Amino acid sequence: MVYPKCLYMILVMCGSSLSLTIHHHTADIFNKNLGIKGEAVSGDWKTCASPSPESIDPCICSYLGNNDLRALTCYFDFDLISDDEVNVLSHNIFSQFNETNNKFTSVNINFGLSTASFVFDENTTGKLKIESILVRSCIDNGPELFTTTAFEHSKSTMFAIDVSIWDNCPSQTLWNFSPGGLDHLDKLVNLQIENYDYDSQPFSDSVLYRLQQLEISGMFTDFSTFTFPRMPNLVYLALYHIEASTLSTNLIHNLPILSMFELLYTNVSKISDNFFTTMTSGFAVKLNDNKLKEVDLHGLSPDTTVDLRYNLITRLPEENFRNYVESVLYTPNAWGNIYMDGNVLECSCDLKWLVVDLRPGTSVFQEKIKNNAACADGTALADVDPQHLEDECPDV
């Protein structure tokens, strides 16, 4: 499979089918790109006649055209009812779907702040034939359970699952998939999951083998020693809000065709030497908004764009940066760029290789190295005096 050189992964609608191309943060794929409630896909969205709208309230079934696109959106607020009442309500709603009306391009299930639990099983989502599902919750007595029958009728259709919590939610829903619960989803290529205990519930090899896109937020594991299992088809990996200060050198070494790696909003201060040596065909590395002080870019191709904005980087050691920077500058038609704004550099002898040899004030450098990085005294990197570093650092 050939992927374009761009920074974002999106899902593009093609008639009644879906094809994978490239996007940045895909948390909104399902409700924006798949047209849930008709918000993004233009056209005359209509309310389904079957089941009757009143009988599935608070869910809404809508469709576009000749049922080419169908969406089911539910907004549940269980704050004042018990688990048993939740089961009765949900079973009454989903029992009305059958082979004539249960096929959905996208399903979007939302839960408000609640102490009641919702079980995903053969009596709820297991009744539906789904291509993609987005579940957002603020339930605080989790874990929320997906049983082995949660997607019973979606074995040959489900390609994308996103389970997450609402922004600024005071509670922390913990998601729980029954062992083997995803194994039978032969088309699953996109998995986005927030607050999941991977150490206790690792996914099977068959699930990992199929994945092309994996987004993880708040995963409970030790990333300083963790190595992802082999995922031969994974193109895109994103880690958000993880508890870690360092990343294992081998974290991504079992991902042979990884092209896009994102690490955002973490306390990670160091990315180990040789971390990217296996990512030779990459074209996007987003490391902005962390606590990074050290990062080794050795191994990245000249077609890789690297975003290091808003970290705590003060030094640019030659052994960590020079090979990559030179390849971007001097490889004909290279696509790569590097972004450095929001870092306060010491501008000491560690920069001599960059300022003296590569001349950041030149137009070629400015074109490829998209940086507004500045020294601690406010001097722009592009304005650092090469002669000053020559005089101060004669032995470097």
Protein backbone atom coordinates (compact mmCIF):
# COMPACT_ATOMS: atom_id res chain seq x y z
CA MET A 1 0.00 0.00 0.00
CA VAL A 2 1.40 3.43 -0.95
CA TYR A 3 0.64 6.40 1.29
CA PRO A 4 0.89 10.05 0.27
CA LYS A 5 3.47 12.37 1.85
CA CYS A 6 1.22 14.45 4.08
CA LEU A 7 0.72 14.92 7.79
CA TYR A 8 -2.87 13.95 8.40
CA MET A 9 -4.97 10.80 8.37
CA ILE A 10 -8.62 11.04 7.35
CA LEU A 11 -11.32 8.65 6.39
CA VAL A 12 -12.79 9.50 3.00
CA MET A 13 -16.29 8.45 2.06
CA CYS A 14 -16.53 6.71 -1.31
CA GLY A 15 -20.15 5.95 -2.05
CA SER A 16 -21.18 3.36 0.51
CA SER A 17 -17.62 2.24 1.24
CA LEU A 18 -14.77 3.80 3.20
CA SER A 19 -11.15 4.06 2.15
CA LEU A 20 -8.16 4.89 4.35
CA THR A 21 -5.90 7.82 3.60
CA ILE A 22 -3.85 10.01 5.96
CA HIS A 23 -5.02 12.34 9.09
CA HIS A 24 -3.62 13.98 12.28
CA HIS A 25 -5.81 13.65 15.34
CA THR A 26 -8.69 11.34 14.49
CA ALA A 27 -10.85 11.62 17.59
CA ASP A 28 -13.41 13.43 15.44
CA ILE A 29 -13.32 11.05 12.49
CA PHE A 30 -16.58 9.42 13.37
CA ASN A 31 -18.86 12.38 14.04
CA LYS A 32 -17.32 14.76 11.47
CA ASN A 33 -16.10 12.65 8.58
CA LEU A 34 -18.74 9.93 8.64
CA GLY A 35 -21.58 12.39 8.86
CA ILE A 36 -23.23 11.32 12.10
CA LYS A 37 -26.47 13.30 12.24
CA GLY A 38 -25.56 14.64 8.82
CA GLU A 39 -23.14 17.25 10.18
CA ALA A 40 -20.30 16.81 7.70
CA VAL A 41 -21.41 14.83 4.68
CA SER A 42 -23.57 17.22 2.69
CA GLY A 43 -26.95 16.12 1.51
CA ASP A 44 -30.51 15.65 2.64
CA TRP A 45 -30.23 13.57 5.80
CA LYS A 46 -33.52 12.03 6.84
CA THR A 47 -34.84 10.28 9.92
CA CYS A 48 -35.23 6.52 9.59
CA ALA A 49 -38.80 5.25 9.51
CA SER A 50 -37.89 1.97 11.16
CA PRO A 51 -37.61 1.72 14.07
CA SER A 52 -39.94 4.60 14.84
CA PRO A 53 -38.06 7.64 16.23
CA GLU A 54 -40.12 7.69 19.42
CA SER A 55 -39.40 4.05 20.21
CA ILE A 56 -35.60 4.44 20.23
CA ASP A 57 -35.36 7.78 22.05
CA PRO A 58 -32.72 8.97 23.14
CA CYS A 59 -31.18 7.47 19.99
CA ILE A 60 -31.53 8.96 16.52
CA CYS A 61 -31.33 6.96 13.32
CA SER A 62 -30.62 8.92 10.14
CA TYR A 63 -29.71 8.12 6.56
CA LEU A 64 -28.54 9.77 3.37
CA GLY A 65 -29.62 8.93 -0.16
CA ASN A 66 -30.91 5.43 -0.67
CA ASN A 67 -29.59 4.25 2.69
CA ASP A 68 -26.03 4.44 1.32
CA LEU A 69 -24.97 6.12 4.57
CA ARG A 70 -26.70 5.30 7.84
CA ALA A 71 -25.86 6.69 11.28
CA LEU A 72 -27.12 5.90 14.77
CA THR A 73 -26.45 8.46 17.50
CA CYS A 74 -27.42 7.95 21.15
CA TYR A 75 -27.19 10.31 24.11
CA PHE A 76 -27.69 8.47 27.40
CA ASP A 77 -27.88 10.16 30.80
CA PHE A 78 -28.18 7.57 33.53
CA ASP A 79 -27.59 9.78 36.53
CA LEU A 80 -30.92 9.04 38.17
CA ILE A 81 -31.51 5.41 37.26
CA SER A 82 -30.08 2.07 38.36
CA ASP A 83 -28.11 -0.52 36.42
CA ASP A 84 -31.21 -2.68 36.07
CA GLU A 85 -33.19 0.21 34.63
CA VAL A 86 -30.35 0.93 32.22
CA ASN A 87 -30.46 -2.67 31.00
CA VAL A 88 -34.21 -2.54 30.44
CA LEU A 89 -34.01 0.77 28.58
CA SER A 90 -31.10 -0.25 26.37
CA HIS A 91 -32.53 -3.68 25.59
CA ASN A 92 -35.87 -2.14 24.62
CA ILE A 93 -34.12 0.20 22.20
CA PHE A 94 -31.74 -2.24 20.53
CA SER A 95 -34.24 -5.11 20.36
CA GLN A 96 -36.02 -3.17 17.62
CA PHE A 97 -33.16 -3.61 15.19
CA ASN A 98 -33.06 -6.63 12.90
CA GLU A 99 -31.70 -7.65 9.50
CA THR A 100 -33.88 -5.07 7.76
CA ASN A 101 -32.67 -2.01 9.68
CA ASN A 102 -29.50 -2.81 11.64
CA LYS A 103 -26.77 -1.84 9.13
CA PHE A 104 -24.89 1.37 10.06
CA THR A 105 -21.95 3.17 8.53
CA SER A 106 -21.33 4.78 11.91
CA VAL A 107 -22.62 4.43 15.46
CA ASN A 108 -22.01 7.17 18.04
CA ILE A 109 -22.93 6.39 21.66
CA ASN A 110 -22.49 9.10 24.29
CA PHE A 111 -22.89 8.83 28.06
CA GLY A 112 -23.23 11.75 30.44
CA LEU A 113 -21.94 11.90 34.00
CA SER A 114 -23.35 8.79 35.60
CA THR A 115 -22.92 6.07 38.19
CA ALA A 116 -24.83 3.47 36.17
CA SER A 117 -23.13 0.96 33.88
CA PHE A 118 -23.88 0.04 30.30
CA VAL A 119 -22.92 -3.41 29.03
CA PHE A 120 -22.06 -3.81 25.36
CA ASP A 121 -23.31 -7.29 24.48
CA GLU A 122 -25.63 -9.28 22.21
CA ASN A 123 -28.62 -7.33 23.55
CA THR A 124 -27.22 -3.90 22.68
CA THR A 125 -24.56 -3.18 20.04
CA GLY A 126 -24.44 -6.90 19.25
CA LYS A 127 -27.75 -6.40 17.45
CA LEU A 128 -26.19 -4.03 14.94
CA LYS A 129 -24.05 -4.47 11.85
CA ILE A 130 -21.54 -1.65 12.22
CA GLU A 131 -18.65 -0.27 10.16
CA SER A 132 -17.34 2.19 12.77
CA ILE A 133 -18.25 3.01 16.37
CA LEU A 134 -17.42 5.94 18.63
CA VAL A 135 -18.22 5.70 22.35
CA ARG A 136 -17.66 8.59 24.76
CA SER A 137 -18.38 8.31 28.45
CA CYS A 138 -18.13 10.04 31.80
CA ILE A 139 -19.26 7.05 33.85
CA ASP A 140 -17.29 6.76 37.07
CA ASN A 141 -17.92 3.25 38.36
CA GLY A 142 -16.28 1.41 35.43
CA PRO A 143 -14.92 -0.55 33.88
CA GLU A 144 -17.32 -0.32 30.99
CA LEU A 145 -17.52 -3.82 29.60
CA PHE A 146 -17.45 -4.94 25.97
CA THR A 147 -18.33 -8.62 26.04
CA THR A 148 -17.34 -11.16 23.38
CA THR A 149 -20.75 -10.60 21.76
CA ALA A 150 -20.62 -6.79 21.73
CA PHE A 151 -20.05 -6.80 17.96
CA GLU A 152 -21.65 -10.13 17.13
CA HIS A 153 -23.10 -8.98 13.79
CA SER A 154 -20.11 -6.79 12.83
CA LYS A 155 -17.51 -9.50 12.28
CA SER A 156 -17.13 -8.76 8.58
CA THR A 157 -17.83 -5.00 8.65
CA MET A 158 -16.24 -3.28 11.67
CA PHE A 159 -13.10 -1.41 10.61
CA ALA A 160 -12.84 1.33 13.30
CA ILE A 161 -13.40 1.55 17.06
CA ASP A 162 -12.93 4.67 19.19
CA VAL A 163 -13.65 4.53 22.94
CA SER A 164 -12.79 7.57 25.05
CA ILE A 165 -13.89 9.86 27.87
CA TRP A 166 -15.24 13.36 27.55
CA ASP A 167 -12.79 16.26 27.83
CA ASN A 168 -12.65 17.67 31.39
CA CYS A 169 -14.61 14.72 32.69
CA PRO A 170 -14.28 14.55 36.52
CA SER A 171 -14.38 10.75 36.41
CA GLN A 172 -12.12 8.30 34.60
CA THR A 173 -14.02 5.60 32.79
CA LEU A 174 -11.94 2.45 32.40
CA TRP A 175 -12.67 0.38 29.31
CA ASN A 176 -12.67 -3.38 29.47
CA PHE A 177 -12.79 -5.76 26.50
CA SER A 178 -13.49 -9.39 27.28
CA PRO A 179 -10.56 -11.67 26.38
CA GLY A 180 -10.73 -12.34 22.65
CA GLY A 181 -13.55 -9.82 22.27
CA LEU A 182 -11.97 -8.20 19.20
CA ASP A 183 -10.42 -11.32 17.66
CA HIS A 184 -13.33 -12.04 15.34
CA LEU A 185 -13.39 -8.54 13.77
CA ASP A 186 -11.67 -9.43 10.51
CA LYS A 187 -11.79 -5.88 9.07
CA LEU A 188 -10.63 -3.95 12.16
CA VAL A 189 -7.75 -1.65 11.14
CA ASN A 190 -8.32 1.46 13.27
CA LEU A 191 -8.36 1.35 17.09
CA GLN A 192 -8.47 4.43 19.32
CA ILE A 193 -8.67 3.80 23.04
CA GLU A 194 -8.42 5.92 26.17
CA ASN A 195 -7.88 4.69 29.74
CA TYR A 196 -7.13 1.05 29.05
CA ASP A 197 -5.10 -1.37 31.15
CA TYR A 198 -3.05 -3.00 28.42
CA ASP A 199 -0.80 -4.84 30.86
CA SER A 200 -3.79 -6.73 32.26
CA GLN A 201 -5.62 -7.12 28.95
CA PRO A 202 -3.18 -7.25 26.02
CA PHE A 203 -4.72 -7.58 22.59
CA SER A 204 -4.19 -10.83 20.74
CA ASP A 205 -1.68 -11.21 17.93
CA SER A 206 -4.51 -11.50 15.40
CA VAL A 207 -5.89 -8.07 16.36
CA LEU A 208 -2.48 -6.42 16.34
CA TYR A 209 -1.58 -7.98 12.99
CA ARG A 210 -4.52 -6.26 11.26
CA LEU A 211 -4.17 -2.79 12.76
CA GLN A 212 -3.07 0.06 10.51
CA GLN A 213 -3.81 2.88 12.94
CA LEU A 214 -3.53 2.84 16.76
CA GLU A 215 -4.18 5.77 19.09
CA ILE A 216 -3.69 5.33 22.83
CA SER A 217 -4.40 7.83 25.56
CA GLY A 218 -3.89 7.32 29.28
CA MET A 219 -2.75 3.71 28.85
CA PHE A 220 -1.53 2.11 32.07
CA THR A 221 1.85 0.62 31.28
CA ASP A 222 5.54 1.33 31.83
CA PHE A 223 6.68 2.85 28.54
CA SER A 224 10.28 3.10 29.75
CA THR A 225 10.61 -0.68 29.34
CA PHE A 226 7.69 -1.48 27.03
CA THR A 227 8.04 -2.68 23.44
CA PHE A 228 5.00 -2.89 21.20
CA PRO A 229 4.40 -6.40 19.84
CA ARG A 230 4.92 -6.94 16.15
CA MET A 231 2.37 -5.05 14.07
CA PRO A 232 3.43 -5.52 10.43
CA ASN A 233 0.66 -3.34 8.98
CA LEU A 234 0.72 -0.41 11.42
CA VAL A 235 1.24 2.93 9.65
CA TYR A 236 0.15 5.39 12.35
CA LEU A 237 0.81 5.32 16.12
CA ALA A 238 -0.23 8.06 18.54
CA LEU A 239 0.35 8.24 22.30
CA TYR A 240 -1.43 10.94 24.33
CA HIS A 241 -1.46 11.71 28.06
CA ILE A 242 0.60 8.66 28.98
CA GLU A 243 2.33 8.34 32.34
CA ALA A 244 6.01 8.13 31.45
CA SER A 245 9.18 10.20 31.69
CA THR A 246 11.19 8.19 29.14
CA LEU A 247 10.39 5.90 26.24
CA SER A 248 12.02 2.54 25.69
CA THR A 249 14.61 2.50 22.91
CA ASN A 250 12.81 -0.49 21.38
CA LEU A 251 9.27 0.86 21.76
CA ILE A 252 8.52 1.02 18.00
CA HIS A 253 11.12 -1.40 16.64
CA ASN A 254 8.51 -4.09 15.84
CA LEU A 255 6.54 -1.75 13.57
CA PRO A 256 8.32 -2.16 10.21
CA ILE A 257 6.20 0.20 8.07
CA LEU A 258 5.40 2.86 10.67
CA SER A 259 5.17 6.19 8.83
CA MET A 260 3.62 8.49 11.43
CA PHE A 261 4.41 8.72 15.14
CA GLU A 262 2.79 11.16 17.56
CA LEU A 263 3.61 11.80 21.21
CA LEU A 264 1.57 14.64 22.70
CA TYR A 265 0.75 16.09 26.13
CA THR A 266 3.01 13.86 28.18
CA ASN A 267 5.74 14.26 30.80
CA VAL A 268 8.27 12.47 28.63
CA SER A 269 11.62 14.25 28.95
CA LYS A 270 13.81 11.94 26.90
CA ILE A 271 13.50 9.87 23.75
CA SER A 272 16.33 7.40 23.84
CA ASP A 273 19.20 7.14 21.39
CA ASN A 274 18.40 5.10 18.27
CA PHE A 275 14.66 5.29 18.97
CA PHE A 276 13.84 6.10 15.32
CA THR A 277 16.40 3.86 13.59
CA THR A 278 13.69 1.50 12.29
CA MET A 279 11.41 4.30 11.06
CA THR A 280 13.29 4.76 7.82
CA SER A 281 10.18 5.32 5.68
CA GLY A 282 8.50 7.78 8.06
CA PHE A 283 7.11 11.13 6.96
CA ALA A 284 5.66 12.61 10.18
CA VAL A 285 6.96 12.69 13.75
CA LYS A 286 4.96 14.95 16.08
CA LEU A 287 6.59 15.44 19.47
CA ASN A 288 5.18 18.83 20.41
CA ASP A 289 3.78 19.85 23.82
CA ASN A 290 5.73 17.42 25.97
CA LYS A 291 8.57 17.96 28.48
CA LEU A 292 11.30 16.84 26.11
CA LYS A 293 14.87 17.81 26.93
CA GLU A 294 16.62 15.19 24.81
CA VAL A 295 15.70 13.54 21.51
CA ASP A 296 17.75 11.59 19.00
CA LEU A 297 16.60 11.97 15.37
CA HIS A 298 19.16 9.54 13.98
CA GLY A 299 17.60 7.20 11.43
CA LEU A 300 14.79 9.42 10.17
CA SER A 301 14.57 9.91 6.43
CA PRO A 302 14.87 13.34 4.73
CA ASP A 303 11.16 13.07 3.88
CA THR A 304 10.17 13.14 7.56
CA THR A 305 8.73 16.30 9.07
CA VAL A 306 9.58 16.61 12.78
CA ASP A 307 7.59 18.82 15.14
CA LEU A 308 9.47 19.62 18.38
CA ARG A 309 7.56 22.74 19.33
CA TYR A 310 6.86 23.71 22.94
CA ASN A 311 9.20 21.39 24.76
CA LEU A 312 12.13 22.02 27.10
CA ILE A 313 14.93 21.50 24.58
CA THR A 314 17.93 23.70 25.34
CA ARG A 315 20.66 21.94 23.36
CA LEU A 316 20.93 20.45 19.85
CA PRO A 317 23.77 17.93 20.12
CA GLU A 318 25.47 17.20 16.81
CA GLU A 319 25.31 13.43 17.30
CA ASN A 320 21.52 13.57 17.71
CA PHE A 321 20.57 16.08 15.04
CA ARG A 322 23.20 16.55 12.34
CA ASN A 323 22.53 13.49 10.15
CA TYR A 324 18.82 14.24 9.96
CA VAL A 325 19.20 18.02 9.44
CA GLU A 326 21.79 17.60 6.70
CA SER A 327 19.68 15.01 4.91
CA VAL A 328 16.70 17.40 4.90
CA LEU A 329 18.82 20.30 3.62
CA TYR A 330 20.82 18.53 0.96
CA THR A 331 18.66 15.70 -0.39
CA PRO A 332 17.07 16.83 -3.67
CA ASN A 333 13.30 17.23 -3.44
CA ALA A 334 13.22 16.13 0.22
CA TRP A 335 9.87 16.67 1.91
CA GLY A 336 11.16 16.98 5.48
CA ASN A 337 11.02 20.02 7.75
CA ILE A 338 11.76 20.60 11.42
CA TYR A 339 9.77 22.88 13.73
CA MET A 340 11.48 24.21 16.86
CA ASP A 341 9.47 27.19 18.16
CA GLY A 342 8.74 27.29 21.87
CA ASN A 343 12.15 25.96 22.95
CA VAL A 344 14.70 28.22 24.66
CA LEU A 345 18.17 27.25 23.46
CA GLU A 346 21.42 27.82 25.34
CA CYS A 347 23.14 28.67 22.06
CA SER A 348 26.46 27.42 23.38
CA CYS A 349 29.13 25.24 21.79
CA ASP A 350 26.62 22.46 21.09
CA LEU A 351 25.26 24.68 18.28
CA LYS A 352 28.54 25.30 16.53
CA TRP A 353 27.95 22.56 13.96
CA LEU A 354 24.62 24.11 13.06
CA VAL A 355 25.48 27.81 13.10
CA VAL A 356 28.97 27.60 11.58
CA ASP A 357 28.62 24.70 9.16
CA LEU A 358 24.99 24.93 8.06
CA ARG A 359 24.35 28.66 8.43
CA PRO A 360 20.77 28.98 9.79
CA GLY A 361 20.51 32.50 8.39
CA THR A 362 20.58 31.28 4.79
CA SER A 363 17.43 31.05 2.69
CA VAL A 364 17.85 27.31 2.14
CA PHE A 365 17.99 26.69 5.87
CA GLN A 366 14.99 28.93 6.55
CA GLU A 367 12.98 27.17 3.88
CA LYS A 368 13.50 23.69 5.32
CA ILE A 369 14.07 24.30 9.02
CA LYS A 370 10.83 26.02 9.96
CA ASN A 371 11.97 27.32 13.29
CA ASN A 372 11.41 30.35 15.41
CA ALA A 373 13.69 28.95 18.10
CA ALA A 374 15.51 31.54 20.13
CA CYS A 375 18.36 31.69 22.59
CA ALA A 376 17.87 32.44 26.26
CA ASP A 377 18.86 36.07 25.65
CA GLY A 378 16.20 36.44 22.97
CA THR A 379 18.51 36.15 19.95
CA ALA A 380 16.88 34.24 17.11
CA LEU A 381 18.73 31.11 16.10
CA ALA A 382 19.08 32.51 12.61
CA ASP A 383 20.89 35.55 14.03
CA VAL A 384 23.50 33.78 16.16
CA ASP A 385 26.94 35.03 15.17
CA PRO A 386 29.05 32.20 13.67
CA GLN A 387 32.29 34.04 14.44
CA HIS A 388 31.34 34.26 18.11
CA LEU A 389 31.01 30.47 18.32
CA GLU A 390 34.25 30.02 16.37
CA ASP A 391 36.03 32.15 18.96
CA GLU A 392 34.30 30.65 21.99
CA CYS A 393 34.51 27.01 20.90
CA PRO A 394 37.81 26.53 19.00
CA ASP A 395 38.11 22.86 19.92
CA VAL A 396 34.57 21.78 18.97
